[in-house]
Amino acid sequence: MEKTFRVYDQSDVKSAVRVHYRKMRKNQTLDYVKRMHNKYLTFDKPMDLWEAMEHLNTLIDVSDPDLDLPNIQHLIQSAEAIRADNRPDWMQLTGLIHDLGKVMFLWGNDEDGTSQAEQWGMVGDVFVVGCKLPDTCVYPEFNALNSDMNDKRYNTDLGIYKEGCGLDNLDLAWGHDEYLFQVLQNHSSNKLPEEAMVMIRYHSFYPWHTGGSYSQLLNEKDKEYLEWIRDFNKYDLYTKCDKTYDLKEVKEYYQPIAEKYLGTAPIYW
């Protein structure tokens, strides 16, 4: 039987997933997101790429209804599927690192939702803060819990934004996507192409790339972004399986690619 993905309303979905999204929707306000940017985008914690990868051996994404393996397995599964399809080396590397922002849990805490125990500020489908939450969010019944939806500055379709401003001018819910994107933007040795950076930044933005929301905020460039994200999404979503890998066994292949695009210096988180 063909496996289905992202089925949140079935009876056997863990209650932890629903609880996670309830907390995420309630707590991820515009003010919270701004505070997390100020707190976490300090770029003062040097760590080697492969050390960061090893740390994801100890993290299971509580928001994922499809996989109960350490997150590093999902990364390798994605990368190996991209490699098997003979896609460009930069895209293979993107598959390998796209969730690496989850290392935030190493210096996160329960209060921020950025810890092992409380992940609502780190993982899960993201949405735009500062404007009305759409019904395409997972568990849309939780939208009303967000205090911004009682603020007339933030509860309209445009909110604080201008029509057609484009994705790059929006503030999204805080999480591993934006964190890794900003870390790599700050990394002087980063030579990943624009497509890779877009895939990293927006791969969890399901209300947009799958739900079709936020059309009033998009610009022409975002049409190209959507093509890139839908291409990457095939490997992010549909490669999840029970097959496991040893990072040491795949590192020999991916290390030269990582050095080509990210250099050999530590990345500052």
Protein backbone atom coordinates (compact mmCIF):
# COMPACT_ATOMS: atom_id res chain seq x y z
CA MET A 1 0.00 0.00 0.00
CA GLU A 2 1.33 3.44 -0.92
CA LYS A 3 2.38 5.48 2.09
CA THR A 4 0.57 8.77 2.72
CA PHE A 5 2.20 11.79 4.34
CA ARG A 6 1.12 14.73 6.47
CA VAL A 7 -2.19 13.20 7.60
CA TYR A 8 -2.91 15.13 10.79
CA ASP A 9 -6.55 14.23 11.41
CA GLN A 10 -6.24 10.47 11.66
CA SER A 11 -6.90 8.89 15.04
CA ASP A 12 -3.43 7.39 15.37
CA VAL A 13 -1.55 10.68 14.96
CA LYS A 14 0.27 11.24 18.22
CA SER A 15 -1.42 13.73 20.50
CA ALA A 16 1.99 15.37 20.89
CA VAL A 17 1.76 16.66 17.31
CA ARG A 18 -1.55 18.38 17.99
CA VAL A 19 -0.30 19.81 21.28
CA HIS A 20 2.81 21.08 19.52
CA TYR A 21 0.80 23.00 16.92
CA ARG A 22 -1.52 24.43 19.55
CA LYS A 23 1.45 25.91 21.41
CA MET A 24 3.06 27.10 18.18
CA ARG A 25 -0.05 28.91 16.98
CA LYS A 26 -0.68 30.49 20.38
CA ASN A 27 2.85 31.67 21.10
CA GLN A 28 4.28 32.65 17.72
CA THR A 29 3.29 36.32 17.59
CA LEU A 30 5.06 39.13 15.76
CA ASP A 31 6.62 40.29 19.03
CA TYR A 32 7.88 36.77 19.79
CA VAL A 33 9.47 36.44 16.35
CA LYS A 34 11.28 39.77 16.70
CA ARG A 35 12.59 38.73 20.12
CA MET A 36 13.88 35.44 18.74
CA HIS A 37 15.70 37.22 15.91
CA ASN A 38 17.43 39.44 18.44
CA LYS A 39 18.22 36.55 20.76
CA TYR A 40 19.40 33.85 18.38
CA LEU A 41 20.89 35.67 15.39
CA THR A 42 24.10 36.53 17.22
CA PHE A 43 26.45 34.36 15.12
CA ASP A 44 28.85 33.86 18.03
CA LYS A 45 28.90 30.07 18.43
CA PRO A 46 31.43 28.44 16.06
CA MET A 47 30.70 24.83 15.20
CA ASP A 48 31.86 22.54 12.41
CA LEU A 49 29.19 21.39 9.93
CA TRP A 50 29.71 17.72 10.74
CA GLU A 51 29.57 18.30 14.47
CA ALA A 52 26.22 20.03 13.94
CA MET A 53 25.05 17.05 11.89
CA GLU A 54 26.02 14.65 14.69
CA HIS A 55 23.92 16.62 17.18
CA LEU A 56 20.79 15.90 15.13
CA ASN A 57 21.33 12.23 15.99
CA THR A 58 19.74 13.09 19.33
CA LEU A 59 16.73 15.08 18.10
CA ILE A 60 13.35 13.72 16.98
CA ASP A 61 11.03 16.31 15.40
CA VAL A 62 7.84 16.22 17.49
CA SER A 63 5.86 18.04 14.76
CA ASP A 64 6.39 15.31 12.16
CA PRO A 65 3.54 12.77 11.96
CA ASP A 66 5.46 10.66 9.44
CA LEU A 67 8.79 9.82 11.05
CA ASP A 68 10.01 8.81 14.52
CA LEU A 69 13.70 8.61 13.66
CA PRO A 70 16.44 11.05 14.73
CA ASN A 71 16.37 14.04 12.40
CA ILE A 72 19.75 13.23 10.88
CA GLN A 73 18.17 10.22 9.18
CA HIS A 74 15.64 12.42 7.39
CA LEU A 75 18.46 14.66 6.16
CA ILE A 76 20.48 11.77 4.75
CA GLN A 77 17.36 10.18 3.21
CA SER A 78 16.59 13.46 1.42
CA ALA A 79 20.15 13.94 0.21
CA GLU A 80 20.51 10.36 -1.02
CA ALA A 81 17.25 10.59 -2.99
CA ILE A 82 18.44 13.80 -4.65
CA ARG A 83 21.77 12.14 -5.39
CA ALA A 84 20.04 9.06 -6.86
CA ASP A 85 18.17 11.32 -9.27
CA ASN A 86 21.43 12.86 -10.49
CA ARG A 87 20.47 16.33 -9.36
CA PRO A 88 23.18 19.01 -8.99
CA ASP A 89 25.71 18.62 -6.19
CA TRP A 90 24.55 21.87 -4.51
CA MET A 91 21.02 20.45 -4.29
CA GLN A 92 22.33 17.22 -2.77
CA LEU A 93 24.08 19.29 -0.11
CA THR A 94 20.91 21.32 0.44
CA GLY A 95 19.01 18.11 1.13
CA LEU A 96 21.68 17.08 3.61
CA ILE A 97 21.64 20.32 5.59
CA HIS A 98 18.14 21.78 5.11
CA ASP A 99 17.01 21.01 8.67
CA LEU A 100 20.33 21.79 10.32
CA GLY A 101 18.91 24.91 11.97
CA LYS A 102 17.38 22.56 14.52
CA VAL A 103 20.75 22.58 16.31
CA MET A 104 19.19 25.63 17.94
CA PHE A 105 18.06 23.20 20.65
CA LEU A 106 21.65 23.07 21.94
CA TRP A 107 21.34 26.61 23.29
CA GLY A 108 17.56 26.88 23.34
CA ASN A 109 15.17 26.63 26.28
CA ASP A 110 11.64 25.55 27.13
CA GLU A 111 10.38 29.11 27.49
CA ASP A 112 11.28 29.96 23.88
CA GLY A 113 10.01 26.63 22.54
CA THR A 114 13.52 25.86 21.31
CA SER A 115 14.46 22.85 23.44
CA GLN A 116 14.24 19.08 23.18
CA ALA A 117 11.12 19.12 25.33
CA GLU A 118 9.43 22.22 23.86
CA GLN A 119 9.92 22.50 20.09
CA TRP A 120 7.14 24.93 19.08
CA GLY A 121 9.69 27.69 18.35
CA MET A 122 11.90 25.43 16.27
CA VAL A 123 9.95 22.96 14.12
CA GLY A 124 6.62 22.71 12.30
CA ASP A 125 4.86 24.43 9.40
CA VAL A 126 5.51 28.17 9.49
CA PHE A 127 3.16 31.05 8.68
CA VAL A 128 3.42 34.82 8.28
CA VAL A 129 3.26 36.87 11.47
CA GLY A 130 1.89 40.40 11.33
CA CYS A 131 -1.15 39.52 9.21
CA LYS A 132 -4.22 37.28 9.32
CA LEU A 133 -3.60 33.57 9.81
CA PRO A 134 -5.11 31.54 6.94
CA ASP A 135 -7.26 28.43 7.20
CA THR A 136 -4.55 26.51 5.30
CA CYS A 137 -2.50 26.28 8.51
CA VAL A 138 -2.41 22.83 10.11
CA TYR A 139 -5.18 22.77 12.74
CA PRO A 140 -6.69 26.13 11.71
CA GLU A 141 -8.93 25.99 14.78
CA PHE A 142 -5.89 27.08 16.78
CA ASN A 143 -5.52 30.37 14.85
CA ALA A 144 -7.84 32.19 17.25
CA LEU A 145 -5.44 31.45 20.13
CA ASN A 146 -2.87 33.82 18.66
CA SER A 147 -3.24 37.20 20.41
CA ASP A 148 -2.24 39.06 17.23
CA MET A 149 -5.56 38.00 15.74
CA ASN A 150 -7.25 40.35 18.24
CA ASP A 151 -5.09 43.28 17.11
CA LYS A 152 -6.45 45.31 14.19
CA ARG A 153 -2.90 46.06 13.05
CA TYR A 154 -2.23 42.38 12.43
CA ASN A 155 -5.54 40.59 11.75
CA THR A 156 -6.19 41.65 8.15
CA ASP A 157 -5.06 39.96 4.93
CA LEU A 158 -2.27 42.53 4.48
CA GLY A 159 -1.61 43.35 8.12
CA ILE A 160 1.64 45.30 8.40
CA TYR A 161 2.70 44.53 4.82
CA LYS A 162 2.20 46.14 1.43
CA GLU A 163 0.41 44.32 -1.37
CA GLY A 164 2.89 42.48 -3.61
CA CYS A 165 5.84 43.07 -1.27
CA GLY A 166 7.20 39.56 -1.85
CA LEU A 167 8.19 36.67 0.41
CA ASP A 168 11.61 38.07 1.24
CA ASN A 169 9.98 41.06 2.96
CA LEU A 170 7.75 39.00 5.25
CA ASP A 171 8.37 37.87 8.83
CA LEU A 172 7.64 34.17 9.20
CA ALA A 173 7.10 32.21 12.38
CA TRP A 174 10.45 31.55 14.01
CA GLY A 175 12.00 28.17 13.37
CA HIS A 176 14.89 26.16 11.98
CA ASP A 177 14.39 27.33 8.37
CA GLU A 178 14.92 31.02 9.06
CA TYR A 179 17.66 30.29 11.55
CA LEU A 180 19.79 28.25 9.12
CA PHE A 181 19.10 30.72 6.31
CA GLN A 182 20.37 33.63 8.41
CA VAL A 183 23.37 31.64 9.66
CA LEU A 184 24.41 30.81 6.10
CA GLN A 185 23.79 34.38 4.96
CA ASN A 186 26.30 35.42 7.62
CA HIS A 187 28.82 32.70 6.64
CA SER A 188 31.47 34.38 4.50
CA SER A 189 32.43 31.13 2.73
CA ASN A 190 28.87 30.35 1.61
CA LYS A 191 28.68 29.81 -2.16
CA LEU A 192 25.33 28.03 -2.30
CA PRO A 193 23.19 29.32 -5.20
CA GLU A 194 20.02 31.34 -4.69
CA GLU A 195 17.84 28.29 -5.32
CA ALA A 196 19.45 26.47 -2.38
CA MET A 197 18.95 29.39 -0.03
CA VAL A 198 15.28 29.65 -1.02
CA MET A 199 14.80 25.92 -0.45
CA ILE A 200 16.32 26.22 3.01
CA ARG A 201 14.33 29.32 3.98
CA TYR A 202 10.86 28.35 2.77
CA HIS A 203 10.62 24.55 2.80
CA SER A 204 8.36 24.55 5.90
CA PHE A 205 6.10 27.35 4.60
CA TYR A 206 3.26 24.96 3.71
CA PRO A 207 0.36 27.46 3.86
CA TRP A 208 2.04 29.19 0.91
CA HIS A 209 3.68 26.51 -1.22
CA THR A 210 0.99 23.85 -0.70
CA GLY A 211 -2.03 25.74 0.67
CA GLY A 212 -1.95 28.57 -1.87
CA SER A 213 -2.37 31.31 0.74
CA TYR A 214 -0.88 34.82 0.86
CA SER A 215 -1.44 35.58 -2.84
CA GLN A 216 -1.95 39.27 -1.97
CA LEU A 217 1.62 39.48 -0.65
CA LEU A 218 3.46 37.71 -3.46
CA ASN A 219 5.44 39.24 -6.32
CA GLU A 220 6.71 37.93 -9.68
CA LYS A 221 9.93 36.54 -8.20
CA ASP A 222 7.91 34.34 -5.86
CA LYS A 223 6.56 32.37 -8.83
CA GLU A 224 10.10 31.17 -9.46
CA TYR A 225 10.56 30.48 -5.74
CA LEU A 226 7.44 28.30 -5.84
CA GLU A 227 8.86 26.16 -8.65
CA TRP A 228 12.08 25.63 -6.71
CA ILE A 229 10.28 24.78 -3.48
CA ARG A 230 7.89 22.31 -5.10
CA ASP A 231 10.85 20.61 -6.73
CA PHE A 232 12.68 20.33 -3.42
CA ASN A 233 9.52 19.29 -1.55
CA LYS A 234 9.47 15.97 -3.41
CA TYR A 235 12.68 15.05 -1.64
CA ASP A 236 11.88 16.67 1.71
CA LEU A 237 8.52 14.91 2.09
CA TYR A 238 8.32 11.76 0.00
CA THR A 239 11.69 10.23 0.92
CA LYS A 240 10.76 9.57 4.56
CA CYS A 241 11.16 5.88 5.32
CA ASP A 242 12.49 3.48 7.93
CA LYS A 243 15.86 2.97 6.22
CA THR A 244 18.70 4.32 8.36
CA TYR A 245 22.20 5.47 7.49
CA ASP A 246 25.51 5.95 9.28
CA LEU A 247 26.72 9.54 8.85
CA LYS A 248 30.33 8.36 8.74
CA GLU A 249 29.54 6.19 5.71
CA VAL A 250 28.06 9.03 3.64
CA LYS A 251 30.42 11.77 4.85
CA GLU A 252 33.18 10.68 2.46
CA TYR A 253 30.93 11.53 -0.50
CA TYR A 254 29.38 14.73 0.85
CA GLN A 255 32.41 16.33 2.50
CA PRO A 256 34.04 17.56 -0.75
CA ILE A 257 30.68 19.04 -1.83
CA ALA A 258 30.30 20.76 1.53
CA GLU A 259 33.80 22.22 1.26
CA LYS A 260 33.08 23.40 -2.29
CA TYR A 261 30.04 25.43 -1.25
CA LEU A 262 30.66 26.20 2.44
CA GLY A 263 34.44 26.11 2.80
CA THR A 264 36.32 24.50 5.66
CA ALA A 265 36.01 27.17 8.36
CA PRO A 266 33.58 26.69 11.26
CA ILE A 267 30.07 28.04 10.80
CA TYR A 268 29.03 30.66 13.35
CA TRP A 269 25.61 29.91 14.81
